[in-house]
PDB file of N, CA and C in Angstrom:
ATOM      1  N   MET A   1      60.185 131.104 109.506  1.00  0.00           N
ATOM      2  CA  MET A   1      61.700 131.327 109.628  1.00  0.00           C
ATOM      3  C   MET A   1      62.314 130.212 110.518  1.00  0.00           C
ATOM      4  N   ALA A   2      61.502 129.634 111.581  1.00  0.00           N
ATOM      5  CA  ALA A   2      62.012 128.521 112.159  1.00  0.00           C
ATOM      6  C   ALA A   2      62.244 127.367 111.246  1.00  0.00           C
ATOM      7  N   LEU A   3      61.187 127.141 110.324  1.00  0.00           N
ATOM      8  CA  LEU A   3      61.203 125.938 109.439  1.00  0.00           C
ATOM      9  C   LEU A   3      62.543 126.106 108.593  1.00  0.00           C
ATOM     10  N   ILE A   4      62.881 127.213 108.284  1.00  0.00           N
ATOM     11  CA  ILE A   4      64.173 127.380 107.385  1.00  0.00           C
ATOM     12  C   ILE A   4      65.255 127.006 108.303  1.00  0.00           C
ATOM     13  N   LEU A   5      65.310 127.399 109.529  1.00  0.00           N
ATOM     14  CA  LEU A   5      66.527 127.152 110.488  1.00  0.00           C
ATOM     15  C   LEU A   5      66.580 125.665 110.722  1.00  0.00           C
ATOM     16  N   VAL A   6      65.461 124.995 110.884  1.00  0.00           N
ATOM     17  CA  VAL A   6      65.525 123.521 110.969  1.00  0.00           C
ATOM     18  C   VAL A   6      65.888 122.727 109.809  1.00  0.00           C
ATOM     19  N   VAL A   7      65.633 123.249 108.661  1.00  0.00           N
ATOM     20  CA  VAL A   7      66.051 122.680 107.277  1.00  0.00           C
ATOM     21  C   VAL A   7      67.527 122.870 107.204  1.00  0.00           C
ATOM     22  N   LEU A   8      67.999 123.815 107.465  1.00  0.00           N
ATOM     23  CA  LEU A   8      69.470 124.393 107.438  1.00  0.00           C
ATOM     24  C   LEU A   8      70.375 123.533 108.455  1.00  0.00           C
ATOM     25  N   LEU A   9      69.641 123.419 109.543  1.00  0.00           N
ATOM     26  CA  LEU A   9      70.231 122.649 110.693  1.00  0.00           C
ATOM     27  C   LEU A   9      70.395 120.988 110.259  1.00  0.00           C
ATOM     28  N   LEU A  10      69.386 120.485 109.730  1.00  0.00           N
ATOM     29  CA  LEU A  10      69.370 119.170 109.266  1.00  0.00           C
ATOM     30  C   LEU A  10      70.358 118.859 108.191  1.00  0.00           C
ATOM     31  N   ALA A  11      70.288 119.811 107.149  1.00  0.00           N
ATOM     32  CA  ALA A  11      71.416 119.733 106.049  1.00  0.00           C
ATOM     33  C   ALA A  11      72.711 119.743 106.561  1.00  0.00           C
ATOM     34  N   LEU A  12      72.937 120.581 107.462  1.00  0.00           N
ATOM     35  CA  LEU A  12      74.499 120.621 108.193  1.00  0.00           C
ATOM     36  C   LEU A  12      74.582 119.427 108.930  1.00  0.00           C
ATOM     37  N   LEU A  13      73.853 118.785 109.593  1.00  0.00           N
ATOM     38  CA  LEU A  13      74.086 117.479 110.356  1.00  0.00           C
ATOM     39  C   LEU A  13      74.236 116.383 109.371  1.00  0.00           C
ATOM     40  N   LEU A  14      73.327 116.382 108.433  1.00  0.00           N
ATOM     41  CA  LEU A  14      73.466 115.239 107.356  1.00  0.00           C
ATOM     42  C   LEU A  14      74.817 115.417 106.562  1.00  0.00           C
ATOM     43  N   GLY A  15      75.142 116.600 106.138  1.00  0.00           N
ATOM     44  CA  GLY A  15      76.275 116.805 105.500  1.00  0.00           C
ATOM     45  C   GLY A  15      77.544 116.434 106.242  1.00  0.00           C
ATOM     46  N   GLY A  16      77.530 116.761 107.516  1.00  0.00           N
ATOM     47  CA  GLY A  16      78.678 116.423 108.414  1.00  0.00           C
ATOM     48  C   GLY A  16      78.783 115.008 108.649  1.00  0.00           C
ATOM     49  N   ALA A  17      77.500 114.274 108.747  1.00  0.00           N
ATOM     50  CA  ALA A  17      77.563 112.664 108.936  1.00  0.00           C
ATOM     51  C   ALA A  17      78.028 112.251 107.610  1.00  0.00           C
ATOM     52  N   GLY A  18      77.743 112.715 106.456  1.00  0.00           N
ATOM     53  CA  GLY A  18      78.423 112.124 105.342  1.00  0.00           C
ATOM     54  C   GLY A  18      79.728 112.238 105.060  1.00  0.00           C
ATOM     55  N   PHE A  19      80.300 113.300 105.586  1.00  0.00           N
ATOM     56  CA  PHE A  19      81.758 113.502 105.581  1.00  0.00           C
ATOM     57  C   PHE A  19      82.408 112.530 106.390  1.00  0.00           C
ATOM     58  N   ALA A  20      82.017 112.322 107.551  1.00  0.00           N
ATOM     59  CA  ALA A  20      82.558 111.469 108.646  1.00  0.00           C
ATOM     60  C   ALA A  20      82.506 109.983 108.066  1.00  0.00           C
ATOM     61  N   VAL A  21      81.289 109.724 107.544  1.00  0.00           N
ATOM     62  CA  VAL A  21      81.128 108.267 107.046  1.00  0.00           C
ATOM     63  C   VAL A  21      82.183 108.052 105.832  1.00  0.00           C
ATOM     64  N   HIS A  22      82.310 109.064 104.873  1.00  0.00           N
ATOM     65  CA  HIS A  22      83.251 108.963 103.846  1.00  0.00           C
ATOM     66  C   HIS A  22      84.708 108.828 104.433  1.00  0.00           C
ATOM     67  N   LEU A  23      85.073 109.649 105.477  1.00  0.00           N
ATOM     68  CA  LEU A  23      86.413 109.580 106.029  1.00  0.00           C
ATOM     69  C   LEU A  23      86.539 108.236 106.629  1.00  0.00           C
ATOM     70  N   LEU A  24      85.295 107.637 107.404  1.00  0.00           N
ATOM     71  CA  LEU A  24      85.633 106.298 107.922  1.00  0.00           C
ATOM     72  C   LEU A  24      85.959 105.234 106.835  1.00  0.00           C
ATOM     73  N   TRP A  25      85.192 105.349 105.697  1.00  0.00           N
ATOM     74  CA  TRP A  25      85.473 104.501 104.575  1.00  0.00           C
ATOM     75  C   TRP A  25      86.859 104.243 104.119  1.00  0.00           C
ATOM     76  N   TRP A  26      87.622 105.609 104.076  1.00  0.00           N
ATOM     77  CA  TRP A  26      88.956 105.721 103.664  1.00  0.00           C
ATOM     78  C   TRP A  26      89.847 105.051 104.736  1.00  0.00           C
ATOM     79  N   VAL A  27      89.561 105.297 105.977  1.00  0.00           N
ATOM     80  CA  VAL A  27      90.337 104.655 107.245  1.00  0.00           C
ATOM     81  C   VAL A  27      90.055 103.053 107.057  1.00  0.00           C
ATOM     82  N   ALA A  28      88.922 102.604 106.731  1.00  0.00           N
ATOM     83  CA  ALA A  28      88.553 101.137 106.822  1.00  0.00           C
ATOM     84  C   ALA A  28      89.562 100.559 105.592  1.00  0.00           C
ATOM     85  N   LEU A  29      89.467 101.345 104.533  1.00  0.00           N
ATOM     86  CA  LEU A  29      90.352 100.708 103.373  1.00  0.00           C
ATOM     87  C   LEU A  29      91.826 100.811 103.641  1.00  0.00           C
ATOM     88  N   ILE A  30      92.315 101.585 104.208  1.00  0.00           N
ATOM     89  CA  ILE A  30      93.747 101.672 104.755  1.00  0.00           C
ATOM     90  C   ILE A  30      94.114 100.629 105.669  1.00  0.00           C
ATOM     91  N   ILE A  31      93.310 100.506 106.670  1.00  0.00           N
ATOM     92  CA  ILE A  31      93.578  99.361 107.575  1.00  0.00           C
ATOM     93  C   ILE A  31      93.444  97.999 106.907  1.00  0.00           C
ATOM     94  N   LEU A  32      92.459  97.705 106.001  1.00  0.00           N
ATOM     95  CA  LEU A  32      92.261  96.472 105.134  1.00  0.00           C
ATOM     96  C   LEU A  32      93.738  96.393 104.264  1.00  0.00           C
ATOM     97  N   ALA A  33      94.174  97.449 103.707  1.00  0.00           N
ATOM     98  CA  ALA A  33      95.274  97.244 102.939  1.00  0.00           C
ATOM     99  C   ALA A  33      96.605  96.967 103.852  1.00  0.00           C
ATOM    100  N   VAL A  34      96.708  97.367 105.034  1.00  0.00           N
ATOM    101  CA  VAL A  34      97.786  97.192 105.924  1.00  0.00           C
ATOM    102  C   VAL A  34      97.673  95.660 106.395  1.00  0.00           C
ATOM    103  N   TRP A  35      96.343  95.245 106.703  1.00  0.00           N
ATOM    104  CA  TRP A  35      96.137  93.819 107.095  1.00  0.00           C
ATOM    105  C   TRP A  35      96.529  92.850 106.032  1.00  0.00           C
ATOM    106  N   LEU A  36      96.076  93.111 104.794  1.00  0.00           N
ATOM    107  CA  LEU A  36      96.391  92.250 103.772  1.00  0.00           C
ATOM    108  C   LEU A  36      97.916  92.220 103.573  1.00  0.00           C
ATOM    109  N   ALA A  37      98.648  93.360 103.476  1.00  0.00           N
ATOM    110  CA  ALA A  37     100.088  93.372 103.275  1.00  0.00           C
ATOM    111  C   ALA A  37     100.744  92.577 104.382  1.00  0.00           C
ATOM    112  N   GLY A  38     100.197  92.468 105.436  1.00  0.00           N
ATOM    113  CA  GLY A  38     100.878  91.670 106.460  1.00  0.00           C
ATOM    114  C   GLY A  38     100.888  90.094 106.019  1.00  0.00           C
ATOM    115  N   PHE A  39     100.111  89.668 105.348  1.00  0.00           N
ATOM    116  CA  PHE A  39     100.147  88.220 104.851  1.00  0.00           C
ATOM    117  C   PHE A  39     101.141  88.121 103.870  1.00  0.00           C
ATOM    118  N   VAL A  40     101.237  89.250 103.000  1.00  0.00           N
ATOM    119  CA  VAL A  40     102.146  89.078 101.855  1.00  0.00           C
ATOM    120  C   VAL A  40     103.678  89.425 102.325  1.00  0.00           C
ATOM    121  N   LEU A  41     103.754  90.324 103.282  1.00  0.00           N
ATOM    122  CA  LEU A  41     105.095  90.625 103.565  1.00  0.00           C
ATOM    123  C   LEU A  41     105.652  90.136 104.944  1.00  0.00           C
ATOM    124  N   ARG A  42     104.924  89.013 105.250  1.00  0.00           N
ATOM    125  CA  ARG A  42     105.669  88.469 106.587  1.00  0.00           C
ATOM    126  C   ARG A  42     106.878  87.641 106.159  1.00  0.00           C
ATOM    127  N   GLY A  43     107.821  87.205 107.160  1.00  0.00           N
ATOM    128  CA  GLY A  43     108.932  86.743 106.873  1.00  0.00           C
ATOM    129  C   GLY A  43     108.754  85.279 106.298  1.00  0.00           C
ATOM    130  N   ALA A  44     109.649  84.926 105.412  1.00  0.00           N
ATOM    131  CA  ALA A  44     109.590  83.609 104.834  1.00  0.00           C
ATOM    132  C   ALA A  44     110.392  82.409 105.818  1.00  0.00           C
ATOM    133  N   GLY A  45     111.074  82.916 106.733  1.00  0.00           N
ATOM    134  CA  GLY A  45     111.761  82.130 107.659  1.00  0.00           C
ATOM    135  C   GLY A  45     110.983  81.885 109.006  1.00  0.00           C
ATOM    136  N   THR A  46     109.773  82.011 109.007  1.00  0.00           N
ATOM    137  CA  THR A  46     108.869  81.817 110.216  1.00  0.00           C
ATOM    138  C   THR A  46     108.460  80.491 110.516  1.00  0.00           C
ATOM    139  N   GLY A  47     108.684  79.593 109.350  1.00  0.00           N
ATOM    140  CA  GLY A  47     108.300  78.175 109.705  1.00  0.00           C
ATOM    141  C   GLY A  47     106.998  77.727 109.490  1.00  0.00           C
ATOM    142  N   GLY A  48     106.065  78.921 109.444  1.00  0.00           N
ATOM    143  CA  GLY A  48     104.641  78.684 109.374  1.00  0.00           C
ATOM    144  C   GLY A  48     103.926  78.072 110.649  1.00  0.00           C
ATOM    145  N   GLY A  49     104.581  78.232 111.771  1.00  0.00           N
ATOM    146  CA  GLY A  49     103.991  77.808 112.946  1.00  0.00           C
ATOM    147  C   GLY A  49     102.846  78.959 113.398  1.00  0.00           C
ATOM    148  N   PRO A  50     102.373  78.615 114.569  1.00  0.00           N
ATOM    149  CA  PRO A  50     101.238  79.520 115.085  1.00  0.00           C
ATOM    150  C   PRO A  50     101.719  80.809 115.317  1.00  0.00           C
ATOM    151  N   ARG A  51     103.134  80.907 115.683  1.00  0.00           N
ATOM    152  CA  ARG A  51     103.524  82.269 116.040  1.00  0.00           C
ATOM    153  C   ARG A  51     104.011  83.104 114.694  1.00  0.00           C
ATOM    154  N   ALA A  52     103.807  82.598 113.553  1.00  0.00           N
ATOM    155  CA  ALA A  52     104.048  83.253 112.345  1.00  0.00           C
ATOM    156  C   ALA A  52     103.337  84.438 112.028  1.00  0.00           C
ATOM    157  N   ARG A  53     102.166  84.415 112.533  1.00  0.00           N
ATOM    158  CA  ARG A  53     101.210  85.550 112.285  1.00  0.00           C
ATOM    159  C   ARG A  53     101.659  86.865 113.012  1.00  0.00           C
ATOM    160  N   TRP A  54     101.529  87.897 112.268  1.00  0.00           N
ATOM    161  CA  TRP A  54     101.882  89.180 112.830  1.00  0.00           C
ATOM    162  C   TRP A  54     100.915  90.010 113.688  1.00  0.00           C
ATOM    163  N   TYR A  55      99.558  89.191 113.726  1.00  0.00           N
ATOM    164  CA  TYR A  55      98.539  89.839 114.514  1.00  0.00           C
ATOM    165  C   TYR A  55      98.360  88.825 115.591  1.00  0.00           C
ATOM    166  N   ARG A  56      97.572  89.243 116.621  1.00  0.00           N
ATOM    167  CA  ARG A  56      97.501  88.247 117.856  1.00  0.00           C
ATOM    168  C   ARG A  56      95.915  87.843 117.949  1.00  0.00           C
ATOM    169  N   TRP A  57      95.106  87.741 116.875  1.00  0.00           N
ATOM    170  CA  TRP A  57      93.680  87.280 117.083  1.00  0.00           C
ATOM    171  C   TRP A  57      93.763  85.763 116.915  1.00  0.00           C
TER     172      TRP A  57
END
């Protein structure tokens, strides 16, 4: 009986971790899309100087 509970608990943990990893992949893809859109959609009148970037890295 204890072995069945351990296996079910392990399956629950791995299933939850799989869902969390899947969700994090979607979040990472959305952030990547926003980051790439910043290069495309930045203003044309910025002059291309160092302040032209919309991020601070």
